[in-house]
């Protein structure tokens, strides 16, 4: 091949390429966002819990401990439910071919480990609340509400 053949081919390609324009075609992104934590608004203890505990004539410090432990159990329960929900969402996404198997395995491993950890923490928090309630049940100051 001579140099003139190469340069002619280059010139023809250059001129033909300038006439052809790129076409824009919209493409839907296949990005799925799985948040690591779902931040809830911090809210105060429910008024109903205070009213129910008031029926038993408990000292305020005992009521505060019960409410604190109850909120801890509730918070741990929400974390367990969140991990379950993310596992379910990842399973749905792989079934609908929205994520790759590699991404699915990564998500399942992450949230399964989180689920196991949070479930253990929930059980510990529940046992702490049960222990507190048992110790309060043995107090002589506790009176059962009438009716």
N, C-alpha and C. Protein backbone atom coordinates (compact mmCIF):
# COMPACT_ATOMS: atom_id res chain seq x y z
N UNK A 1 0.83 -1.17 0.00
CA UNK A 1 0.00 0.00 0.00
C UNK A 1 0.88 1.23 0.00
N UNK A 2 0.49 2.12 -0.83
CA UNK A 2 1.28 3.33 -0.92
C UNK A 2 0.73 4.37 0.03
N UNK A 3 1.49 5.39 0.23
CA UNK A 3 1.11 6.47 1.14
C UNK A 3 -0.07 7.25 0.59
N UNK A 4 -0.16 7.33 -0.75
CA UNK A 4 -1.28 8.08 -1.33
C UNK A 4 -2.61 7.33 -1.14
N UNK A 5 -2.57 6.01 -1.16
CA UNK A 5 -3.78 5.21 -0.93
C UNK A 5 -4.26 5.38 0.49
N UNK A 6 -3.33 5.38 1.42
CA UNK A 6 -3.66 5.53 2.83
C UNK A 6 -4.23 6.91 3.12
N UNK A 7 -3.62 7.92 2.54
CA UNK A 7 -4.11 9.27 2.79
C UNK A 7 -5.45 9.50 2.10
N UNK A 8 -5.68 8.89 0.93
CA UNK A 8 -6.96 9.01 0.26
C UNK A 8 -8.06 8.33 1.07
N UNK A 9 -7.77 7.17 1.63
CA UNK A 9 -8.75 6.47 2.46
C UNK A 9 -9.05 7.29 3.71
N UNK A 10 -8.03 7.90 4.27
CA UNK A 10 -8.23 8.74 5.44
C UNK A 10 -9.08 9.95 5.11
N UNK A 11 -8.82 10.60 3.97
CA UNK A 11 -9.57 11.79 3.56
C UNK A 11 -11.03 11.44 3.27
N UNK A 12 -11.28 10.32 2.60
CA UNK A 12 -12.66 9.92 2.31
C UNK A 12 -13.39 9.61 3.62
N UNK A 13 -12.75 8.91 4.52
CA UNK A 13 -13.35 8.59 5.81
C UNK A 13 -13.63 9.83 6.63
N UNK A 14 -12.72 10.77 6.57
CA UNK A 14 -12.89 12.01 7.31
C UNK A 14 -14.08 12.81 6.78
N UNK A 15 -14.17 12.92 5.45
CA UNK A 15 -15.28 13.66 4.86
C UNK A 15 -16.62 12.96 5.08
N UNK A 16 -16.67 11.66 4.94
CA UNK A 16 -17.91 10.91 5.13
C UNK A 16 -18.32 10.95 6.61
N UNK A 17 -17.35 10.93 7.48
CA UNK A 17 -17.63 10.96 8.91
C UNK A 17 -18.20 12.28 9.36
N UNK A 18 -17.83 13.35 8.70
CA UNK A 18 -18.33 14.68 9.09
C UNK A 18 -19.79 14.82 8.72
N UNK A 19 -20.22 14.13 7.66
CA UNK A 19 -21.61 14.22 7.24
C UNK A 19 -22.51 13.40 8.17
N UNK A 20 -22.02 12.31 8.71
CA UNK A 20 -22.81 11.48 9.62
C UNK A 20 -22.79 12.12 11.00
N UNK A 21 -23.98 12.25 11.57
CA UNK A 21 -24.07 12.86 12.89
C UNK A 21 -24.50 11.81 13.92
N UNK A 22 -24.10 12.06 15.11
CA UNK A 22 -24.47 11.15 16.20
C UNK A 22 -25.95 11.32 16.51
N UNK A 23 -26.62 10.22 16.72
CA UNK A 23 -28.02 10.25 17.09
C UNK A 23 -28.16 10.11 18.59
N UNK A 24 -29.04 10.92 19.15
CA UNK A 24 -29.27 10.85 20.59
C UNK A 24 -30.49 9.98 20.83
N UNK A 25 -30.33 9.00 21.69
CA UNK A 25 -31.43 8.12 22.01
C UNK A 25 -31.52 8.03 23.54
N UNK A 26 -32.67 8.37 24.09
CA UNK A 26 -32.79 8.32 25.56
C UNK A 26 -32.73 6.88 26.06
N UNK A 27 -32.02 6.71 27.13
CA UNK A 27 -31.86 5.40 27.75
C UNK A 27 -32.22 5.53 29.23
N UNK A 28 -33.14 4.68 29.69
CA UNK A 28 -33.51 4.71 31.10
C UNK A 28 -32.37 4.15 31.94
N UNK A 29 -32.00 4.84 32.97
CA UNK A 29 -30.91 4.30 33.82
C UNK A 29 -31.40 3.08 34.58
N UNK A 30 -30.52 2.15 34.81
CA UNK A 30 -30.85 0.95 35.55
C UNK A 30 -30.16 0.99 36.90
N UNK A 31 -30.30 2.10 37.56
CA UNK A 31 -29.68 2.29 38.85
C UNK A 31 -30.74 2.11 39.92
N UNK A 32 -30.46 1.28 40.89
CA UNK A 32 -31.37 1.07 42.01
C UNK A 32 -30.62 1.46 43.26
N UNK A 33 -31.23 2.33 44.04
CA UNK A 33 -30.59 2.81 45.26
C UNK A 33 -31.16 2.04 46.45
N UNK A 34 -30.30 1.39 47.18
CA UNK A 34 -30.68 0.70 48.40
C UNK A 34 -30.06 1.46 49.57
N UNK A 35 -30.83 2.25 50.28
CA UNK A 35 -30.25 3.02 51.39
C UNK A 35 -29.78 2.09 52.50
N UNK A 36 -28.69 2.45 53.12
CA UNK A 36 -28.16 1.63 54.21
C UNK A 36 -28.97 1.81 55.49
N UNK A 37 -29.44 3.01 55.72
CA UNK A 37 -30.28 3.25 56.88
C UNK A 37 -31.45 4.11 56.47
N UNK A 38 -32.53 3.89 57.12
CA UNK A 38 -33.72 4.67 56.86
C UNK A 38 -33.92 5.53 58.10
N UNK A 39 -33.52 6.78 58.02
CA UNK A 39 -33.56 7.64 59.19
C UNK A 39 -34.99 8.08 59.47
N UNK A 40 -35.44 7.76 60.65
CA UNK A 40 -36.78 8.18 61.06
C UNK A 40 -36.65 9.43 61.92
N UNK A 41 -37.72 10.15 61.96
CA UNK A 41 -37.73 11.31 62.84
C UNK A 41 -37.78 10.82 64.27
N UNK A 42 -36.98 11.46 65.11
CA UNK A 42 -37.00 11.11 66.52
C UNK A 42 -38.28 11.65 67.13
N UNK A 43 -38.98 10.79 67.79
CA UNK A 43 -40.20 11.22 68.43
C UNK A 43 -40.16 10.83 69.89
N UNK A 44 -40.92 11.54 70.68
CA UNK A 44 -40.96 11.28 72.11
C UNK A 44 -41.71 10.00 72.43
N UNK A 45 -41.60 9.53 73.67
CA UNK A 45 -42.31 8.31 74.05
C UNK A 45 -43.81 8.53 73.97
N UNK A 46 -44.53 7.50 73.61
CA UNK A 46 -45.97 7.66 73.45
C UNK A 46 -46.67 7.97 74.77
N UNK A 47 -47.64 8.83 74.69
CA UNK A 47 -48.39 9.25 75.87
C UNK A 47 -49.16 8.08 76.45
N UNK A 48 -49.63 7.16 75.60
CA UNK A 48 -50.40 6.02 76.06
C UNK A 48 -49.57 5.14 77.00
N UNK A 49 -48.29 5.00 76.72
CA UNK A 49 -47.43 4.18 77.57
C UNK A 49 -47.30 4.80 78.96
N UNK A 50 -47.11 6.11 79.00
CA UNK A 50 -47.05 6.79 80.30
C UNK A 50 -48.38 6.64 81.05
N UNK A 51 -49.48 6.77 80.34
CA UNK A 51 -50.79 6.66 81.00
C UNK A 51 -51.03 5.25 81.54
N UNK A 52 -50.62 4.26 80.77
CA UNK A 52 -50.78 2.87 81.22
C UNK A 52 -49.92 2.58 82.44
N UNK A 53 -48.70 3.07 82.42
CA UNK A 53 -47.81 2.83 83.56
C UNK A 53 -48.26 3.62 84.79
N UNK A 54 -48.93 4.74 84.59
CA UNK A 54 -49.41 5.54 85.71
C UNK A 54 -50.48 4.79 86.50
N UNK A 55 -51.19 3.87 85.87
CA UNK A 55 -52.22 3.10 86.56
C UNK A 55 -51.64 2.22 87.66
N UNK A 56 -50.35 1.88 87.55
CA UNK A 56 -49.73 0.97 88.50
C UNK A 56 -49.03 1.69 89.65
N UNK A 57 -49.15 3.00 89.70
CA UNK A 57 -48.54 3.80 90.78
C UNK A 57 -47.04 3.54 90.91
N UNK A 58 -46.36 3.52 89.78
CA UNK A 58 -44.91 3.30 89.78
C UNK A 58 -44.19 4.61 90.01
N UNK A 59 -43.02 4.53 90.65
CA UNK A 59 -42.21 5.75 90.81
C UNK A 59 -41.75 6.28 89.45
N UNK A 60 -41.57 7.58 89.32
CA UNK A 60 -41.19 8.17 88.03
C UNK A 60 -39.89 7.62 87.44
N UNK A 61 -38.91 7.31 88.29
CA UNK A 61 -37.65 6.78 87.76
C UNK A 61 -37.83 5.39 87.16
N UNK A 62 -38.72 4.59 87.74
CA UNK A 62 -39.01 3.27 87.20
C UNK A 62 -39.75 3.40 85.87
N UNK A 63 -40.69 4.32 85.82
CA UNK A 63 -41.42 4.56 84.56
C UNK A 63 -40.44 5.00 83.47
N UNK A 64 -39.53 5.87 83.82
CA UNK A 64 -38.54 6.35 82.83
C UNK A 64 -37.68 5.20 82.31
N UNK A 65 -37.29 4.28 83.20
CA UNK A 65 -36.47 3.13 82.76
C UNK A 65 -37.27 2.21 81.85
N UNK A 66 -38.54 1.99 82.19
CA UNK A 66 -39.39 1.13 81.35
C UNK A 66 -39.56 1.75 79.96
N UNK A 67 -39.82 3.04 79.93
CA UNK A 67 -40.01 3.72 78.65
C UNK A 67 -38.71 3.68 77.85
N UNK A 68 -37.60 3.88 78.50
CA UNK A 68 -36.31 3.86 77.81
C UNK A 68 -36.04 2.48 77.20
N UNK A 69 -36.27 1.43 77.99
CA UNK A 69 -36.05 0.07 77.48
C UNK A 69 -37.05 -0.27 76.37
N UNK A 70 -38.29 0.19 76.49
CA UNK A 70 -39.29 -0.06 75.47
C UNK A 70 -38.91 0.61 74.16
N UNK A 71 -38.41 1.84 74.24
CA UNK A 71 -37.97 2.54 73.02
C UNK A 71 -36.79 1.84 72.38
N UNK A 72 -35.90 1.31 73.21
CA UNK A 72 -34.74 0.57 72.68
C UNK A 72 -35.21 -0.67 71.93
N UNK A 73 -36.17 -1.41 72.52
CA UNK A 73 -36.70 -2.59 71.86
C UNK A 73 -37.38 -2.21 70.55
N UNK A 74 -38.14 -1.13 70.56
CA UNK A 74 -38.81 -0.67 69.34
C UNK A 74 -37.80 -0.29 68.27
N UNK A 75 -36.75 0.41 68.65
CA UNK A 75 -35.71 0.83 67.70
C UNK A 75 -35.03 -0.39 67.09
N UNK A 76 -34.72 -1.38 67.93
CA UNK A 76 -34.07 -2.60 67.42
C UNK A 76 -35.01 -3.37 66.50
N UNK A 77 -36.30 -3.39 66.84
CA UNK A 77 -37.28 -4.07 66.01
C UNK A 77 -37.37 -3.41 64.64
N UNK A 78 -37.35 -2.08 64.59
CA UNK A 78 -37.38 -1.36 63.32
C UNK A 78 -36.14 -1.68 62.48
N UNK A 79 -34.97 -1.81 63.13
CA UNK A 79 -33.75 -2.12 62.39
C UNK A 79 -33.83 -3.53 61.78
N UNK A 80 -34.39 -4.48 62.53
CA UNK A 80 -34.57 -5.84 62.01
C UNK A 80 -35.53 -5.83 60.83
N UNK A 81 -36.64 -5.10 60.97
CA UNK A 81 -37.62 -5.01 59.88
C UNK A 81 -37.02 -4.35 58.65
N UNK A 82 -36.17 -3.36 58.86
CA UNK A 82 -35.53 -2.68 57.73
C UNK A 82 -34.61 -3.63 56.98
N UNK A 83 -33.85 -4.44 57.70
CA UNK A 83 -32.98 -5.42 57.05
C UNK A 83 -33.80 -6.45 56.28
N UNK A 84 -34.91 -6.91 56.87
CA UNK A 84 -35.79 -7.85 56.16
C UNK A 84 -36.35 -7.22 54.88
N UNK A 85 -36.74 -5.97 54.98
CA UNK A 85 -37.31 -5.28 53.83
C UNK A 85 -36.28 -5.14 52.71
N UNK A 86 -35.04 -4.85 53.05
CA UNK A 86 -34.01 -4.69 52.03
C UNK A 86 -33.69 -6.03 51.36
N UNK A 87 -33.73 -7.12 52.13
CA UNK A 87 -33.52 -8.44 51.54
C UNK A 87 -34.65 -8.75 50.56
N UNK A 88 -35.87 -8.41 50.96
CA UNK A 88 -37.02 -8.63 50.08
C UNK A 88 -36.92 -7.78 48.82
N UNK A 89 -36.53 -6.51 48.95
CA UNK A 89 -36.39 -5.64 47.78
C UNK A 89 -35.31 -6.16 46.83
N UNK A 90 -34.19 -6.63 47.39
CA UNK A 90 -33.12 -7.16 46.54
C UNK A 90 -33.59 -8.41 45.80
N UNK A 91 -34.37 -9.24 46.49
CA UNK A 91 -34.89 -10.45 45.84
C UNK A 91 -35.85 -10.09 44.72
N UNK A 92 -36.72 -9.11 44.95
CA UNK A 92 -37.62 -8.66 43.89
C UNK A 92 -36.84 -8.10 42.71
N UNK A 93 -35.81 -7.31 43.01
CA UNK A 93 -35.03 -6.67 41.94
C UNK A 93 -34.32 -7.71 41.08
N UNK A 94 -33.78 -8.77 41.70
CA UNK A 94 -33.11 -9.80 40.89
C UNK A 94 -34.13 -10.59 40.09
N UNK A 95 -35.32 -10.81 40.64
CA UNK A 95 -36.36 -11.53 39.90
C UNK A 95 -36.87 -10.73 38.71
N UNK A 96 -36.84 -9.41 38.80
CA UNK A 96 -37.28 -8.55 37.70
C UNK A 96 -36.13 -8.14 36.79
N UNK A 97 -34.97 -8.73 36.99
CA UNK A 97 -33.77 -8.46 36.20
C UNK A 97 -33.35 -7.00 36.25
N UNK A 98 -33.53 -6.37 37.39
CA UNK A 98 -33.12 -4.98 37.55
C UNK A 98 -31.69 -4.86 38.07
N UNK A 99 -31.20 -5.91 38.70
CA UNK A 99 -29.82 -5.90 39.20
C UNK A 99 -29.13 -7.18 38.75
N UNK A 100 -27.82 -7.12 38.76
CA UNK A 100 -27.04 -8.28 38.34
C UNK A 100 -26.92 -9.28 39.49
N UNK A 101 -26.60 -10.51 39.19
CA UNK A 101 -26.42 -11.50 40.26
C UNK A 101 -25.30 -11.12 41.24
N UNK A 102 -24.26 -10.49 40.73
CA UNK A 102 -23.18 -10.05 41.61
C UNK A 102 -23.67 -9.02 42.62
N UNK A 103 -24.43 -8.05 42.13
CA UNK A 103 -24.99 -7.03 43.02
C UNK A 103 -25.94 -7.67 44.02
N UNK A 104 -26.74 -8.63 43.55
CA UNK A 104 -27.68 -9.31 44.42
C UNK A 104 -26.95 -10.01 45.56
N UNK A 105 -25.91 -10.76 45.23
CA UNK A 105 -25.16 -11.48 46.26
C UNK A 105 -24.51 -10.51 47.25
N UNK A 106 -23.99 -9.40 46.74
CA UNK A 106 -23.39 -8.41 47.62
C UNK A 106 -24.43 -7.86 48.60
N UNK A 107 -25.61 -7.50 48.06
CA UNK A 107 -26.67 -6.95 48.91
C UNK A 107 -27.18 -7.97 49.91
N UNK A 108 -27.40 -9.19 49.46
CA UNK A 108 -27.89 -10.23 50.36
C UNK A 108 -26.89 -10.50 51.47
N UNK A 109 -25.62 -10.60 51.13
CA UNK A 109 -24.61 -10.83 52.17
C UNK A 109 -24.59 -9.69 53.17
N UNK A 110 -24.65 -8.45 52.68
CA UNK A 110 -24.60 -7.29 53.57
C UNK A 110 -25.81 -7.27 54.51
N UNK A 111 -26.99 -7.40 53.94
CA UNK A 111 -28.19 -7.27 54.76
C UNK A 111 -28.49 -8.52 55.58
N UNK A 112 -28.03 -9.67 55.15
CA UNK A 112 -28.19 -10.87 55.95
C UNK A 112 -27.32 -10.79 57.20
N UNK A 113 -26.09 -10.30 57.03
CA UNK A 113 -25.22 -10.11 58.20
C UNK A 113 -25.83 -9.08 59.15
N UNK A 114 -26.35 -7.99 58.58
CA UNK A 114 -26.98 -6.95 59.39
C UNK A 114 -28.22 -7.50 60.10
N UNK A 115 -29.01 -8.32 59.40
CA UNK A 115 -30.20 -8.92 59.99
C UNK A 115 -29.84 -9.79 61.19
N UNK A 116 -28.83 -10.63 61.02
CA UNK A 116 -28.41 -11.52 62.11
C UNK A 116 -27.93 -10.71 63.31
N UNK A 117 -27.14 -9.69 63.05
CA UNK A 117 -26.61 -8.84 64.12
C UNK A 117 -27.75 -8.10 64.84
N UNK A 118 -28.65 -7.50 64.08
CA UNK A 118 -29.75 -6.74 64.69
C UNK A 118 -30.74 -7.64 65.41
N UNK A 119 -30.95 -8.86 64.89
CA UNK A 119 -31.84 -9.80 65.55
C UNK A 119 -31.28 -10.20 66.92
N UNK A 120 -29.96 -10.41 66.99
CA UNK A 120 -29.32 -10.74 68.27
C UNK A 120 -29.45 -9.56 69.24
N UNK A 121 -29.23 -8.34 68.73
CA UNK A 121 -29.36 -7.16 69.59
C UNK A 121 -30.81 -6.99 70.07
N UNK A 122 -31.77 -7.30 69.20
CA UNK A 122 -33.18 -7.21 69.58
C UNK A 122 -33.49 -8.20 70.70
N UNK A 123 -33.00 -9.42 70.58
CA UNK A 123 -33.25 -10.42 71.61
C UNK A 123 -32.64 -10.00 72.95
N UNK A 124 -31.45 -9.41 72.89
CA UNK A 124 -30.82 -8.92 74.13
C UNK A 124 -31.63 -7.78 74.74
N UNK A 125 -32.12 -6.87 73.92
CA UNK A 125 -32.92 -5.75 74.42
C UNK A 125 -34.25 -6.24 74.99
N UNK A 126 -34.86 -7.22 74.35
CA UNK A 126 -36.11 -7.77 74.86
C UNK A 126 -35.89 -8.47 76.20
N UNK A 127 -34.79 -9.19 76.31
CA UNK A 127 -34.50 -9.86 77.57
C UNK A 127 -34.24 -8.84 78.67
N UNK A 128 -33.57 -7.74 78.34
CA UNK A 128 -33.35 -6.68 79.33
C UNK A 128 -34.66 -6.07 79.80
N UNK A 129 -35.59 -5.87 78.87
CA UNK A 129 -36.91 -5.33 79.24
C UNK A 129 -37.68 -6.33 80.10
N UNK A 130 -37.63 -7.61 79.74
CA UNK A 130 -38.30 -8.64 80.55
C UNK A 130 -37.73 -8.69 81.96
N UNK A 131 -36.42 -8.63 82.06
CA UNK A 131 -35.77 -8.65 83.37
C UNK A 131 -36.21 -7.45 84.20
N UNK A 132 -36.24 -6.28 83.58
CA UNK A 132 -36.67 -5.07 84.28
C UNK A 132 -38.11 -5.21 84.76
N UNK A 133 -38.98 -5.71 83.90
CA UNK A 133 -40.38 -5.87 84.27
C UNK A 133 -40.56 -6.92 85.38
N UNK A 134 -39.76 -7.99 85.34
CA UNK A 134 -39.82 -8.99 86.42
C UNK A 134 -39.39 -8.38 87.74
N UNK A 135 -38.32 -7.57 87.70
CA UNK A 135 -37.83 -6.97 88.94
C UNK A 135 -38.84 -5.96 89.48
N UNK A 136 -39.54 -5.29 88.60
CA UNK A 136 -40.56 -4.33 89.05
C UNK A 136 -41.76 -5.08 89.60
N UNK A 137 -42.08 -6.23 89.02
CA UNK A 137 -43.21 -7.03 89.48
C UNK A 137 -43.02 -7.52 90.90
N UNK A 138 -41.78 -7.63 91.35
CA UNK A 138 -41.52 -8.09 92.72
C UNK A 138 -41.50 -6.95 93.72
N UNK A 139 -41.56 -5.72 93.24
CA UNK A 139 -41.58 -4.59 94.15
C UNK A 139 -42.88 -4.57 94.94
N UNK A 140 -42.81 -4.24 96.19
CA UNK A 140 -44.03 -4.18 97.01
C UNK A 140 -44.84 -2.93 96.69
N UNK A 141 -44.23 -1.92 96.03
CA UNK A 141 -44.94 -0.68 95.75
C UNK A 141 -45.89 -0.82 94.58
N UNK A 142 -45.75 -1.89 93.82
CA UNK A 142 -46.58 -2.05 92.64
C UNK A 142 -47.97 -2.53 93.06
N UNK A 143 -48.97 -1.84 92.61
CA UNK A 143 -50.35 -2.23 92.89
C UNK A 143 -51.06 -2.45 91.57
N UNK A 144 -51.84 -3.48 91.54
CA UNK A 144 -52.60 -3.77 90.32
C UNK A 144 -53.74 -2.78 90.19
N UNK A 145 -53.99 -2.31 88.95
CA UNK A 145 -55.11 -1.37 88.78
C UNK A 145 -56.43 -2.10 88.94
N UNK A 146 -57.39 -1.37 89.40
CA UNK A 146 -58.74 -1.92 89.57
C UNK A 146 -59.48 -1.81 88.25
N UNK A 147 -60.13 -2.91 87.87
CA UNK A 147 -60.97 -2.89 86.67
C UNK A 147 -60.20 -2.70 85.48
